[in-house]
């Protein structure tokens, strides 16, 4: 009886008659453990956490997800032009014009609908004395050397706004770590899971690098929908955000265990994949 009632509800829902296409755009640079560097294979053992969550979403809602792997800035540009339906990214006020974030009835962002949360942390050379001053927002003791962040990283704007000297960006975290290891860079700011994964994978290559103690910023990542997709499918959009929040709470701990397991084989699809 419960199944029949549930089926009737689905059939009568305003978005059950069709399965709209949701074009999900993600960076063509691998961001372990979230997205691979190229078009994903949902059936692969380790397609990326974002891909796994969206695959599970399709099984619960009438939506068809297709994937587009491109440079991150192009993804944001195409989101603003309604050429793709969604990206996963953190909140920036500048992105409000590009797409729609999940919100509560009072207009505030709905953090329960986030896809995942992470910390931005500082990586330094051991014994360098480089550290983060939380009161001023500045990285100190760089001795004139540049500070590295990934190209398109949302924290880059914050670092510049706090008066940090030179912020250099690269599309590859391994490139930044290499410069830090050789002393050509004063420090690197990156997501904790991404940075620590590289240090675990290549302990000899980055043997002098360590994570500093202080967290610079806590990041929540959301599925940002294009204005057109949200306008055309408002109730489906709300269901997508709600379901992703449920999937995150139910699935993310096990997915982290899966991707960070020492039994997971390495391959050549990108850093960590």
Protein backbone atom coordinates (compact mmCIF):
# COMPACT_ATOMS: atom_id res chain seq x y z
CA UNK A 1 0.00 0.00 0.00
CA UNK A 2 2.81 2.40 0.89
CA UNK A 3 4.46 1.71 -2.46
CA UNK A 4 1.24 2.38 -4.38
CA UNK A 5 0.62 5.66 -2.56
CA UNK A 6 4.21 6.73 -3.22
CA UNK A 7 3.89 5.81 -6.90
CA UNK A 8 0.69 7.82 -7.24
CA UNK A 9 2.37 10.83 -5.68
CA UNK A 10 5.24 10.60 -8.15
CA UNK A 11 2.93 10.19 -11.13
CA UNK A 12 0.88 13.21 -10.09
CA UNK A 13 3.89 15.41 -9.38
CA UNK A 14 4.30 18.36 -11.79
CA UNK A 15 7.72 17.16 -13.00
CA UNK A 16 7.00 13.44 -13.35
CA UNK A 17 5.74 13.60 -16.93
CA UNK A 18 9.18 14.08 -18.41
CA UNK A 19 12.82 13.72 -17.50
CA UNK A 20 14.50 17.06 -18.22
CA UNK A 21 18.16 17.02 -19.15
CA UNK A 22 20.50 18.45 -16.56
CA UNK A 23 23.86 19.29 -18.17
CA UNK A 24 26.44 19.16 -15.40
CA UNK A 25 29.72 20.94 -16.15
CA UNK A 26 32.88 20.25 -14.15
CA UNK A 27 36.56 21.12 -14.34
CA UNK A 28 38.69 19.16 -16.78
CA UNK A 29 41.39 19.14 -14.10
CA UNK A 30 40.92 16.23 -11.71
CA UNK A 31 39.88 17.24 -8.20
CA UNK A 32 40.25 14.13 -6.11
CA UNK A 33 38.05 12.64 -4.80
CA UNK A 34 35.20 14.66 -6.33
CA UNK A 35 35.55 14.75 -10.09
CA UNK A 36 37.72 12.98 -12.71
CA UNK A 37 39.72 14.84 -15.37
CA UNK A 38 37.56 13.81 -18.32
CA UNK A 39 34.13 12.54 -19.31
CA UNK A 40 33.10 10.21 -16.48
CA UNK A 41 32.03 6.62 -16.63
CA UNK A 42 29.28 6.13 -14.07
CA UNK A 43 29.95 2.38 -14.11
CA UNK A 44 33.65 2.78 -13.28
CA UNK A 45 34.71 1.70 -9.77
CA UNK A 46 35.86 5.23 -8.90
CA UNK A 47 34.18 7.80 -11.16
CA UNK A 48 34.40 10.58 -8.55
CA UNK A 49 32.18 11.41 -5.59
CA UNK A 50 30.27 14.15 -7.44
CA UNK A 51 29.52 11.74 -10.27
CA UNK A 52 28.38 9.03 -7.86
CA UNK A 53 26.02 11.40 -6.06
CA UNK A 54 24.51 12.64 -9.34
CA UNK A 55 24.16 9.06 -10.56
CA UNK A 56 22.22 8.19 -7.42
CA UNK A 57 20.16 11.34 -7.86
CA UNK A 58 18.96 10.09 -11.26
CA UNK A 59 17.66 6.92 -9.64
CA UNK A 60 15.49 8.90 -7.24
CA UNK A 61 14.20 11.72 -9.43
CA UNK A 62 12.98 12.06 -13.03
CA UNK A 63 16.03 13.89 -14.33
CA UNK A 64 18.63 12.85 -16.91
CA UNK A 65 22.17 14.02 -16.10
CA UNK A 66 24.71 14.50 -18.87
CA UNK A 67 28.31 15.51 -18.23
CA UNK A 68 30.57 18.13 -19.76
CA UNK A 69 34.26 18.37 -18.80
CA UNK A 70 35.79 21.79 -19.52
CA UNK A 71 38.08 24.41 -17.97
CA UNK A 72 36.39 25.62 -14.78
CA UNK A 73 36.08 29.24 -15.85
CA UNK A 74 34.37 28.13 -19.06
CA UNK A 75 31.89 26.11 -16.99
CA UNK A 76 31.01 29.24 -15.01
CA UNK A 77 30.76 31.30 -18.20
CA UNK A 78 28.42 28.78 -19.82
CA UNK A 79 26.33 28.54 -16.65
CA UNK A 80 25.75 32.28 -16.83
CA UNK A 81 24.73 31.93 -20.48
CA UNK A 82 22.38 29.01 -19.68
CA UNK A 83 24.45 26.74 -21.95
CA UNK A 84 24.89 24.24 -19.11
CA UNK A 85 22.40 23.47 -16.35
CA UNK A 86 24.59 23.12 -13.27
CA UNK A 87 28.00 23.24 -11.66
CA UNK A 88 29.13 22.33 -8.16
CA UNK A 89 30.93 25.17 -6.40
CA UNK A 90 31.16 27.27 -3.28
CA UNK A 91 29.24 30.46 -2.64
CA UNK A 92 30.56 33.70 -4.08
CA UNK A 93 28.42 36.82 -4.36
CA UNK A 94 29.77 37.27 -7.89
CA UNK A 95 28.22 33.92 -8.85
CA UNK A 96 24.69 35.04 -7.95
CA UNK A 97 24.34 36.48 -11.45
CA UNK A 98 25.46 33.19 -13.00
CA UNK A 99 23.11 30.75 -11.29
CA UNK A 100 20.80 29.89 -8.42
CA UNK A 101 21.79 28.50 -5.01
CA UNK A 102 19.46 26.45 -2.79
CA UNK A 103 17.67 28.73 -0.34
CA UNK A 104 15.30 28.50 2.58
CA UNK A 105 11.95 30.24 2.70
CA UNK A 106 13.57 33.27 4.39
CA UNK A 107 16.02 33.68 1.50
CA UNK A 108 19.15 32.45 3.29
CA UNK A 109 21.28 29.72 1.71
CA UNK A 110 20.18 26.24 2.67
CA UNK A 111 23.34 24.62 4.01
CA UNK A 112 21.51 21.32 4.45
CA UNK A 113 21.30 21.16 0.66
CA UNK A 114 25.07 21.42 0.19
CA UNK A 115 26.84 18.62 -1.68
CA UNK A 116 29.87 18.52 0.60
CA UNK A 117 31.94 20.73 2.89
CA UNK A 118 35.71 21.08 3.08
CA UNK A 119 38.43 23.21 4.65
CA UNK A 120 40.92 25.43 2.87
CA UNK A 121 44.28 24.93 4.58
CA UNK A 122 47.84 26.17 4.25
CA UNK A 123 50.76 24.04 3.03
CA UNK A 124 54.30 25.16 3.87
CA UNK A 125 57.87 23.88 3.90
CA UNK A 126 58.84 22.41 7.26
CA UNK A 127 60.68 24.90 9.43
CA UNK A 128 59.89 27.86 7.17
CA UNK A 129 57.93 29.76 9.81
CA UNK A 130 55.21 30.62 7.30
CA UNK A 131 51.80 30.77 8.98
CA UNK A 132 48.34 32.29 8.77
CA UNK A 133 47.36 35.30 10.90
CA UNK A 134 43.63 34.87 11.48
CA UNK A 135 43.21 38.43 12.76
CA UNK A 136 44.59 40.09 9.65
CA UNK A 137 43.85 37.35 7.13
CA UNK A 138 47.45 37.48 5.93
CA UNK A 139 50.00 34.75 5.28
CA UNK A 140 53.17 35.91 7.03
CA UNK A 141 56.88 35.13 6.63
CA UNK A 142 56.65 34.53 2.89
CA UNK A 143 59.92 36.46 2.48
CA UNK A 144 58.83 37.90 -0.84
CA UNK A 145 57.96 34.57 -2.39
CA UNK A 146 54.55 34.08 -4.06
CA UNK A 147 51.55 32.35 -2.58
CA UNK A 148 49.97 29.61 -4.69
CA UNK A 149 46.31 28.79 -5.26
CA UNK A 150 44.56 26.70 -7.87
CA UNK A 151 43.26 28.55 -10.91
CA UNK A 152 39.61 29.47 -10.35
CA UNK A 153 39.73 28.68 -6.62
CA UNK A 154 37.15 30.73 -4.73
CA UNK A 155 39.52 31.56 -1.87
CA UNK A 156 41.89 33.44 -4.20
CA UNK A 157 39.67 36.54 -4.06
CA UNK A 158 39.61 36.43 -0.25
CA UNK A 159 43.39 36.19 -0.05
CA UNK A 160 43.82 39.17 -2.33
CA UNK A 161 41.20 41.18 -0.46
CA UNK A 162 43.11 40.61 2.78
CA UNK A 163 46.19 42.22 1.28
CA UNK A 164 48.27 39.12 0.68
CA UNK A 165 51.15 40.03 -1.64
CA UNK A 166 51.40 37.99 -4.84
CA UNK A 167 48.96 35.17 -5.46
CA UNK A 168 49.93 32.92 -8.36
CA UNK A 169 47.44 30.47 -9.79
CA UNK A 170 47.94 27.15 -11.55
CA UNK A 171 45.53 24.54 -12.83
CA UNK A 172 47.49 21.71 -11.15
CA UNK A 173 48.07 21.38 -7.43
CA UNK A 174 51.03 19.08 -8.10
CA UNK A 175 52.67 21.96 -10.00
CA UNK A 176 52.21 24.30 -7.04
CA UNK A 177 53.55 21.71 -4.61
CA UNK A 178 56.57 21.20 -6.87
CA UNK A 179 57.35 24.92 -6.76
CA UNK A 180 56.88 24.94 -2.99
CA UNK A 181 59.16 21.91 -2.60
CA UNK A 182 61.90 23.67 -4.59
CA UNK A 183 61.56 26.87 -2.56
CA UNK A 184 60.23 28.92 -5.47
CA UNK A 185 56.95 29.51 -3.65
CA UNK A 186 56.35 30.59 -0.06
CA UNK A 187 53.16 28.61 0.60
CA UNK A 188 50.17 26.99 -1.08
CA UNK A 189 46.49 27.24 -0.12
CA UNK A 190 44.31 24.30 -1.17
CA UNK A 191 41.43 22.08 -0.11
CA UNK A 192 42.54 19.74 2.65
CA UNK A 193 41.44 16.49 1.02
CA UNK A 194 43.16 17.35 -2.29
CA UNK A 195 46.42 18.48 -0.71
CA UNK A 196 46.68 15.64 1.77
CA UNK A 197 45.91 13.09 -0.92
CA UNK A 198 48.90 14.33 -2.96
CA UNK A 199 51.17 14.20 0.10
CA UNK A 200 50.08 10.63 0.80
CA UNK A 201 50.53 9.57 -2.81
CA UNK A 202 53.93 11.18 -3.35
CA UNK A 203 55.72 11.31 0.04
CA UNK A 204 59.19 11.32 -1.55
CA UNK A 205 58.36 13.90 -4.19
CA UNK A 206 56.97 16.38 -1.62
CA UNK A 207 58.93 15.28 1.42
CA UNK A 208 59.54 18.77 2.86
CA UNK A 209 55.91 19.93 2.65
CA UNK A 210 53.51 19.84 5.58
CA UNK A 211 50.05 21.12 6.39
CA UNK A 212 49.95 24.08 8.78
CA UNK A 213 47.61 23.84 11.74
CA UNK A 214 45.19 26.69 11.03
CA UNK A 215 42.12 26.39 8.81
CA UNK A 216 41.77 29.42 6.55
CA UNK A 217 38.17 28.94 5.51
CA UNK A 218 35.43 26.36 5.67
CA UNK A 219 33.91 25.76 2.25
CA UNK A 220 30.47 24.42 1.44
CA UNK A 221 29.90 23.27 -2.11
CA UNK A 222 26.45 23.53 -3.68
CA UNK A 223 24.85 22.44 -6.90
CA UNK A 224 24.40 25.82 -8.60
CA UNK A 225 21.61 25.64 -11.16
CA UNK A 226 21.35 27.86 -14.21
CA UNK A 227 18.67 30.53 -14.10
CA UNK A 228 16.90 28.89 -17.04
CA UNK A 229 16.82 25.41 -15.53
CA UNK A 230 15.49 26.80 -12.24
CA UNK A 231 12.93 28.97 -14.02
CA UNK A 232 11.71 26.08 -16.19
CA UNK A 233 11.70 23.48 -13.38
CA UNK A 234 11.29 25.21 -9.99
CA UNK A 235 9.77 22.25 -8.14
CA UNK A 236 12.19 19.76 -9.65
CA UNK A 237 15.06 22.09 -8.71
CA UNK A 238 13.90 22.13 -5.09
CA UNK A 239 13.64 18.33 -5.14
CA UNK A 240 17.15 18.03 -6.60
CA UNK A 241 18.66 20.17 -3.84
CA UNK A 242 16.72 18.39 -1.12
CA UNK A 243 17.69 14.95 -2.44
CA UNK A 244 21.37 15.85 -2.79
CA UNK A 245 21.38 16.96 0.83
CA UNK A 246 19.84 13.65 1.85
CA UNK A 247 22.35 11.71 -0.27
CA UNK A 248 25.24 13.66 1.25
CA UNK A 249 24.18 12.83 4.80
CA UNK A 250 23.51 9.18 3.98
CA UNK A 251 26.33 8.40 1.55
CA UNK A 252 29.28 10.75 1.95
CA UNK A 253 31.02 9.06 4.92
CA UNK A 254 31.04 5.71 3.10
CA UNK A 255 32.19 7.35 -0.13
CA UNK A 256 35.12 9.01 1.64
CA UNK A 257 36.08 5.65 3.12
CA UNK A 258 35.90 4.10 -0.34
CA UNK A 259 38.05 6.70 -2.11
CA UNK A 260 40.66 7.06 0.62
CA UNK A 261 40.97 3.34 1.24
CA UNK A 262 44.58 2.08 0.95
CA UNK A 263 43.15 -0.84 -1.04
CA UNK A 264 42.01 1.46 -3.84
CA UNK A 265 44.26 0.90 -6.89
CA UNK A 266 45.92 3.88 -8.52
CA UNK A 267 45.53 4.52 -12.22
CA UNK A 268 46.48 7.13 -14.79
CA UNK A 269 43.27 9.11 -15.08
CA UNK A 270 44.61 12.03 -13.04
CA UNK A 271 45.76 12.87 -9.51
CA UNK A 272 44.21 10.25 -7.26
CA UNK A 273 42.13 8.57 -9.98
